[in-house]
Amino acid sequence: MIQSLTGFGKAVLQLPTKKITVEVKSLNSKQLDLNMRMPSFYREKELVLRTELAKHIKRGKVDFSLYAEVTGDERTYTINKSLVKGYIDQLKSIDAENGLNSQDILSTAVKMPDVVSPERVELDEEEWKQILTCIFEAVEKFNVFRTDEGAELEKDFVLRVNNIQEGLTSVETFESERVASVRERLEKNLAELGDQVDKSRLEQELIYYLEKMDITEEKVRLTSHCNYFKQELNGTESNGKKLGFIVQEMGREINTIGSKSYHAGMQKVVVMMKDELEKIKEQILNVL
């Protein structure tokens, strides 16, 4: 089972005086890059929350957002009344020629520095427990999203690997024809030399040349890599990095087969296998 690095999860909690909305979304990244956005009065929980989220999210460029919307009678700001009165008294003492009336004085006073300040409210632990439950509900939905996306990726991977294995099977149909063609071409060229050719040496050189064209080992290794790749897809954990390493090994074997082909039909099959492998490489970057 594999998971995608792309994910989204959202959960909403309605408290007596506020509405909490939690969103978790991610894109692909080699490491965990966690960006957290939350109200200042929850900041004291950020470090603990960051550690917990890392256990459940593991990897990806993740944006975590916690929004708090006040819906009830909860004061979050206070007005410094004594400071406002002081400003008003000072404004009244200004010469009347400035044309200020009582309404102007009040509206000017409330705009002065430090009149309105955030109210420091101690975090309610019971409230935080409810918010934490909401957070992990969003994370659970986020991971379900990742799993569903991973299932789609897995289908595509299996299709591509099967195509590579089918191509490997079709390569075998060209092998005897390829060897016969090479032997015929060499013998034709050497026949022009007449009796100058040492038949015994010719056979030795021909055997050496055909051995260099042999792709039996490459076929065995490529088949093993393809089977191992599909085995890892069905594993209990998602490991995109490991799958990436297997894909690299598959690429080496396909390239070697291509360099030894010496046959137009075989080359076409190798190009097809390379194309399928490139599509796997593109998608493997989005696997957790």
Protein backbone atom coordinates (compact mmCIF):
# COMPACT_ATOMS: atom_id res chain seq x y z
CA MET A 1 0.00 0.00 0.00
CA ILE A 2 1.40 3.34 -1.03
CA GLN A 3 0.31 6.87 -0.17
CA SER A 4 0.52 10.05 -2.18
CA LEU A 5 2.43 13.08 -0.90
CA THR A 6 -0.53 15.17 -2.01
CA GLY A 7 -3.29 15.37 0.58
CA PHE A 8 -6.05 17.47 2.09
CA GLY A 9 -8.09 17.20 5.27
CA LYS A 10 -10.54 19.53 7.00
CA ALA A 11 -12.49 19.39 10.27
CA VAL A 12 -14.77 21.88 12.03
CA LEU A 13 -15.51 22.17 15.77
CA GLN A 14 -18.28 24.35 17.21
CA LEU A 15 -17.53 25.51 20.76
CA PRO A 16 -19.94 27.61 22.89
CA THR A 17 -18.26 30.91 21.98
CA LYS A 18 -16.18 30.14 18.89
CA LYS A 19 -15.93 28.07 15.74
CA ILE A 20 -12.68 26.19 15.13
CA THR A 21 -11.69 25.20 11.60
CA VAL A 22 -8.65 23.01 10.93
CA GLU A 23 -7.16 22.44 7.47
CA VAL A 24 -4.19 20.25 6.53
CA LYS A 25 -2.88 20.14 2.96
CA SER A 26 0.39 19.02 1.39
CA LEU A 27 2.46 18.78 -1.79
CA ASN A 28 5.47 16.61 -2.56
CA SER A 29 8.78 17.26 -0.82
CA LYS A 30 11.84 15.16 0.04
CA GLN A 31 11.54 15.98 3.75
CA LEU A 32 8.83 17.18 6.15
CA ASP A 33 8.37 20.92 5.66
CA LEU A 34 5.64 21.88 8.13
CA ASN A 35 4.24 25.41 7.99
CA MET A 36 1.83 26.19 10.85
CA ARG A 37 -0.68 29.02 11.00
CA MET A 38 -2.71 29.43 14.22
CA PRO A 39 -4.05 32.18 16.55
CA SER A 40 -1.59 33.68 19.00
CA PHE A 41 -3.41 32.40 22.09
CA TYR A 42 -2.76 28.79 20.95
CA ARG A 43 0.93 29.37 20.22
CA GLU A 44 2.08 27.85 23.48
CA LYS A 45 0.96 24.45 22.12
CA GLU A 46 2.77 24.79 18.81
CA LEU A 47 5.94 22.84 19.63
CA VAL A 48 4.05 19.88 21.11
CA LEU A 49 1.57 19.93 18.24
CA ARG A 50 4.35 20.09 15.66
CA THR A 51 5.95 16.95 17.14
CA GLU A 52 2.64 15.07 17.10
CA LEU A 53 1.84 16.09 13.54
CA ALA A 54 5.27 14.93 12.36
CA LYS A 55 4.48 11.41 13.63
CA HIS A 56 1.31 11.18 11.53
CA ILE A 57 2.31 13.11 8.40
CA LYS A 58 5.98 12.00 8.02
CA ARG A 59 6.91 13.77 4.78
CA GLY A 60 5.78 16.49 2.39
CA LYS A 61 5.45 20.27 2.15
CA VAL A 62 2.57 20.65 4.61
CA ASP A 63 0.43 23.69 5.40
CA PHE A 64 -1.40 23.38 8.72
CA SER A 65 -4.01 26.07 9.46
CA LEU A 66 -6.11 26.52 12.59
CA TYR A 67 -8.75 29.27 12.43
CA ALA A 68 -10.80 30.52 15.41
CA GLU A 69 -13.95 32.52 14.67
CA VAL A 70 -15.68 34.12 17.66
CA THR A 71 -19.41 33.37 17.52
CA GLY A 72 -20.47 34.12 21.09
CA ASP A 73 -19.93 36.64 23.89
CA GLU A 74 -16.20 36.33 24.24
CA ARG A 75 -14.08 39.46 24.58
CA THR A 76 -10.70 39.21 22.96
CA TYR A 77 -9.81 42.94 23.22
CA THR A 78 -10.10 45.46 26.08
CA ILE A 79 -10.36 49.26 26.06
CA ASN A 80 -8.18 51.14 28.53
CA LYS A 81 -10.86 53.49 29.91
CA SER A 82 -8.55 55.58 32.10
CA LEU A 83 -6.24 56.15 29.14
CA VAL A 84 -9.19 57.22 26.95
CA LYS A 85 -10.32 59.73 29.62
CA GLY A 86 -6.79 61.11 29.83
CA TYR A 87 -6.69 61.59 26.04
CA ILE A 88 -10.12 63.30 26.09
CA ASP A 89 -9.06 65.71 28.85
CA GLN A 90 -5.96 66.64 26.90
CA LEU A 91 -7.94 67.11 23.68
CA LYS A 92 -10.46 69.34 25.45
CA SER A 93 -7.65 71.54 26.68
CA ILE A 94 -6.67 72.28 23.09
CA ASP A 95 -7.66 75.72 21.92
CA ALA A 96 -11.29 75.91 20.73
CA GLU A 97 -10.13 77.33 17.43
CA ASN A 98 -9.35 73.78 16.30
CA GLY A 99 -13.10 73.29 15.89
CA LEU A 100 -13.40 70.01 17.76
CA ASN A 101 -16.76 68.94 19.14
CA SER A 102 -17.42 66.15 21.66
CA GLN A 103 -17.91 63.51 18.97
CA ASP A 104 -14.66 64.44 17.25
CA ILE A 105 -12.80 64.26 20.54
CA LEU A 106 -14.07 60.74 21.32
CA SER A 107 -13.38 59.34 17.84
CA THR A 108 -9.87 60.86 17.97
CA ALA A 109 -9.20 59.56 21.49
CA VAL A 110 -10.01 55.91 20.66
CA LYS A 111 -7.51 56.02 17.78
CA MET A 112 -4.66 57.05 20.06
CA PRO A 113 -1.88 54.53 20.93
CA ASP A 114 -2.50 51.71 23.44
CA VAL A 115 -6.23 52.47 23.84
CA VAL A 116 -7.28 49.02 22.55
CA SER A 117 -5.14 46.01 23.47
CA PRO A 118 -5.58 42.24 23.19
CA GLU A 119 -7.02 40.62 26.27
CA ARG A 120 -4.73 37.97 27.66
CA VAL A 121 -6.83 34.85 28.20
CA GLU A 122 -5.38 31.71 29.72
CA LEU A 123 -5.79 28.67 27.52
CA ASP A 124 -8.54 26.36 28.71
CA GLU A 125 -7.11 22.83 28.75
CA GLU A 126 -10.52 21.23 28.32
CA GLU A 127 -11.14 23.40 25.30
CA TRP A 128 -7.73 22.47 23.92
CA LYS A 129 -8.52 18.76 24.27
CA GLN A 130 -11.58 19.27 22.07
CA ILE A 131 -9.52 21.26 19.56
CA LEU A 132 -6.86 18.53 19.55
CA THR A 133 -9.55 15.96 18.71
CA CYS A 134 -10.64 18.20 15.85
CA ILE A 135 -7.05 18.52 14.64
CA PHE A 136 -6.52 14.78 14.47
CA GLU A 137 -9.86 14.33 12.76
CA ALA A 138 -8.53 16.61 10.01
CA VAL A 139 -5.23 14.67 9.95
CA GLU A 140 -7.11 11.38 9.62
CA LYS A 141 -9.09 12.74 6.65
CA PHE A 142 -5.82 14.03 5.24
CA ASN A 143 -4.25 10.56 5.42
CA VAL A 144 -7.36 8.94 3.90
CA PHE A 145 -7.01 11.37 1.01
CA ARG A 146 -3.34 10.36 0.65
CA THR A 147 -4.25 6.68 0.70
CA ASP A 148 -6.95 7.11 -1.97
CA GLU A 149 -4.52 9.04 -4.17
CA GLY A 150 -1.91 6.34 -3.56
CA ALA A 151 -4.33 3.65 -4.74
CA GLU A 152 -4.69 5.45 -8.07
CA LEU A 153 -0.92 5.79 -8.37
CA GLU A 154 -0.52 2.08 -7.62
CA LYS A 155 -2.84 1.13 -10.50
CA ASP A 156 -0.79 3.25 -12.87
CA PHE A 157 2.51 1.79 -11.59
CA VAL A 158 1.31 -1.80 -12.03
CA LEU A 159 0.15 -1.01 -15.57
CA ARG A 160 3.53 0.52 -16.47
CA VAL A 161 5.58 -2.29 -14.95
CA ASN A 162 3.43 -4.90 -16.69
CA ASN A 163 4.06 -3.10 -19.98
CA ILE A 164 7.81 -3.26 -19.33
CA GLN A 165 7.60 -6.97 -18.57
CA GLU A 166 5.57 -7.57 -21.72
CA GLY A 167 8.20 -5.66 -23.65
CA LEU A 168 10.87 -7.86 -22.12
CA THR A 169 8.98 -10.92 -23.32
CA SER A 170 8.71 -9.53 -26.85
CA VAL A 171 12.47 -8.86 -26.86
CA GLU A 172 13.04 -12.60 -26.71
CA THR A 173 11.33 -13.06 -30.09
CA PHE A 174 14.05 -10.97 -31.73
CA GLU A 175 17.04 -12.69 -30.12
CA SER A 176 17.48 -15.66 -32.46
CA GLU A 177 16.81 -13.47 -35.49
CA ARG A 178 19.32 -10.91 -34.23
CA VAL A 179 22.08 -13.49 -33.70
CA ALA A 180 21.45 -15.08 -37.11
CA SER A 181 21.55 -11.67 -38.76
CA VAL A 182 24.85 -10.76 -37.14
CA ARG A 183 26.40 -14.15 -38.01
CA GLU A 184 25.26 -13.84 -41.62
CA ARG A 185 26.63 -10.34 -41.98
CA LEU A 186 30.01 -11.28 -40.52
CA GLU A 187 30.32 -14.39 -42.67
CA LYS A 188 29.41 -12.42 -45.79
CA ASN A 189 32.06 -9.79 -45.09
CA LEU A 190 34.68 -12.42 -44.29
CA ALA A 191 33.82 -14.50 -47.35
CA GLU A 192 35.13 -11.68 -49.48
CA LEU A 193 38.56 -12.31 -47.98
CA GLY A 194 38.54 -15.88 -49.33
CA ASP A 195 41.15 -18.30 -48.00
CA GLN A 196 42.86 -15.63 -45.98
CA VAL A 197 40.48 -16.30 -43.07
CA ASP A 198 41.40 -18.71 -40.29
CA LYS A 199 38.15 -20.64 -39.77
CA SER A 200 39.09 -21.70 -36.25
CA ARG A 201 39.93 -18.13 -35.24
CA LEU A 202 36.74 -16.96 -36.92
CA GLU A 203 34.64 -19.23 -34.76
CA GLN A 204 36.39 -18.00 -31.62
CA GLU A 205 35.86 -14.37 -32.50
CA LEU A 206 32.25 -15.00 -33.45
CA ILE A 207 31.53 -16.74 -30.15
CA TYR A 208 33.17 -13.86 -28.25
CA TYR A 209 31.15 -11.32 -30.21
CA LEU A 210 27.86 -13.14 -29.66
CA GLU A 211 28.58 -13.47 -25.94
CA LYS A 212 28.92 -9.69 -25.75
CA MET A 213 25.46 -9.43 -27.30
CA ASP A 214 23.92 -11.84 -24.82
CA ILE A 215 21.27 -10.17 -22.60
CA THR A 216 20.27 -13.14 -20.45
CA GLU A 217 21.62 -11.60 -17.23
CA GLU A 218 19.95 -8.26 -17.94
CA LYS A 219 16.59 -9.95 -18.55
CA VAL A 220 16.85 -11.92 -15.31
CA ARG A 221 17.77 -8.84 -13.28
CA LEU A 222 15.10 -6.65 -14.89
CA THR A 223 12.44 -9.29 -14.22
CA SER A 224 13.60 -9.49 -10.60
CA HIS A 225 13.48 -5.69 -10.21
CA CYS A 226 9.97 -5.51 -11.71
CA ASN A 227 8.68 -8.20 -9.35
CA TYR A 228 10.38 -6.53 -6.38
CA PHE A 229 8.80 -3.20 -7.32
CA LYS A 230 5.30 -4.73 -7.37
CA GLN A 231 6.03 -6.54 -4.12
CA GLU A 232 6.91 -3.24 -2.43
CA LEU A 233 3.70 -1.66 -3.77
CA ASN A 234 1.76 -4.27 -1.76
CA GLY A 235 3.82 -3.73 1.40
CA THR A 236 2.38 -2.51 4.69
CA GLU A 237 4.16 0.86 4.52
CA SER A 238 4.58 3.49 1.83
CA ASN A 239 8.24 4.03 0.91
CA GLY A 240 8.61 6.22 -2.16
CA LYS A 241 12.39 6.54 -1.73
CA LYS A 242 12.88 2.78 -1.84
CA LEU A 243 10.68 2.49 -4.91
CA GLY A 244 12.79 5.22 -6.50
CA PHE A 245 15.96 3.18 -5.94
CA ILE A 246 14.37 0.11 -7.56
CA VAL A 247 13.34 2.21 -10.56
CA GLN A 248 16.96 3.36 -10.97
CA GLU A 249 18.10 -0.28 -11.15
CA MET A 250 15.38 -1.06 -13.70
CA GLY A 251 16.66 1.82 -15.82
CA ARG A 252 20.22 0.47 -15.80
CA GLU A 253 19.12 -2.93 -17.10
CA ILE A 254 16.91 -1.44 -19.83
CA ASN A 255 19.75 0.81 -20.99
CA THR A 256 22.14 -2.15 -21.15
CA ILE A 257 19.65 -4.18 -23.17
CA GLY A 258 19.33 -1.25 -25.55
CA SER A 259 23.10 -0.95 -25.98
CA LYS A 260 23.33 -4.67 -26.85
CA SER A 261 20.30 -4.91 -29.11
CA TYR A 262 21.77 -4.37 -32.63
CA HIS A 263 18.26 -4.88 -34.01
CA ALA A 264 15.69 -2.30 -35.13
CA GLY A 265 12.71 -4.21 -33.75
CA MET A 266 14.38 -4.72 -30.39
CA GLN A 267 15.36 -1.06 -30.24
CA LYS A 268 11.70 -0.05 -30.67
CA VAL A 269 10.74 -2.27 -27.74
CA VAL A 270 13.53 -0.80 -25.61
CA VAL A 271 12.34 2.73 -26.41
CA MET A 272 8.83 1.74 -25.32
CA MET A 273 10.18 0.35 -22.04
CA LYS A 274 12.18 3.54 -21.43
CA ASP A 275 9.06 5.61 -22.05
CA GLU A 276 7.08 3.57 -19.51
CA LEU A 277 9.92 3.87 -17.00
CA GLU A 278 10.06 7.67 -17.39
CA LYS A 279 6.34 7.88 -16.58
CA ILE A 280 6.98 5.82 -13.44
CA LYS A 281 9.86 8.14 -12.46
CA GLU A 282 7.62 11.19 -12.81
CA GLN A 283 4.93 9.73 -10.56
CA ILE A 284 7.32 8.16 -8.02
CA LEU A 285 8.22 11.68 -6.86
CA ASN A 286 4.68 11.99 -5.51
CA VAL A 287 4.83 8.83 -3.37
CA LEU A 288 5.26 9.14 0.40
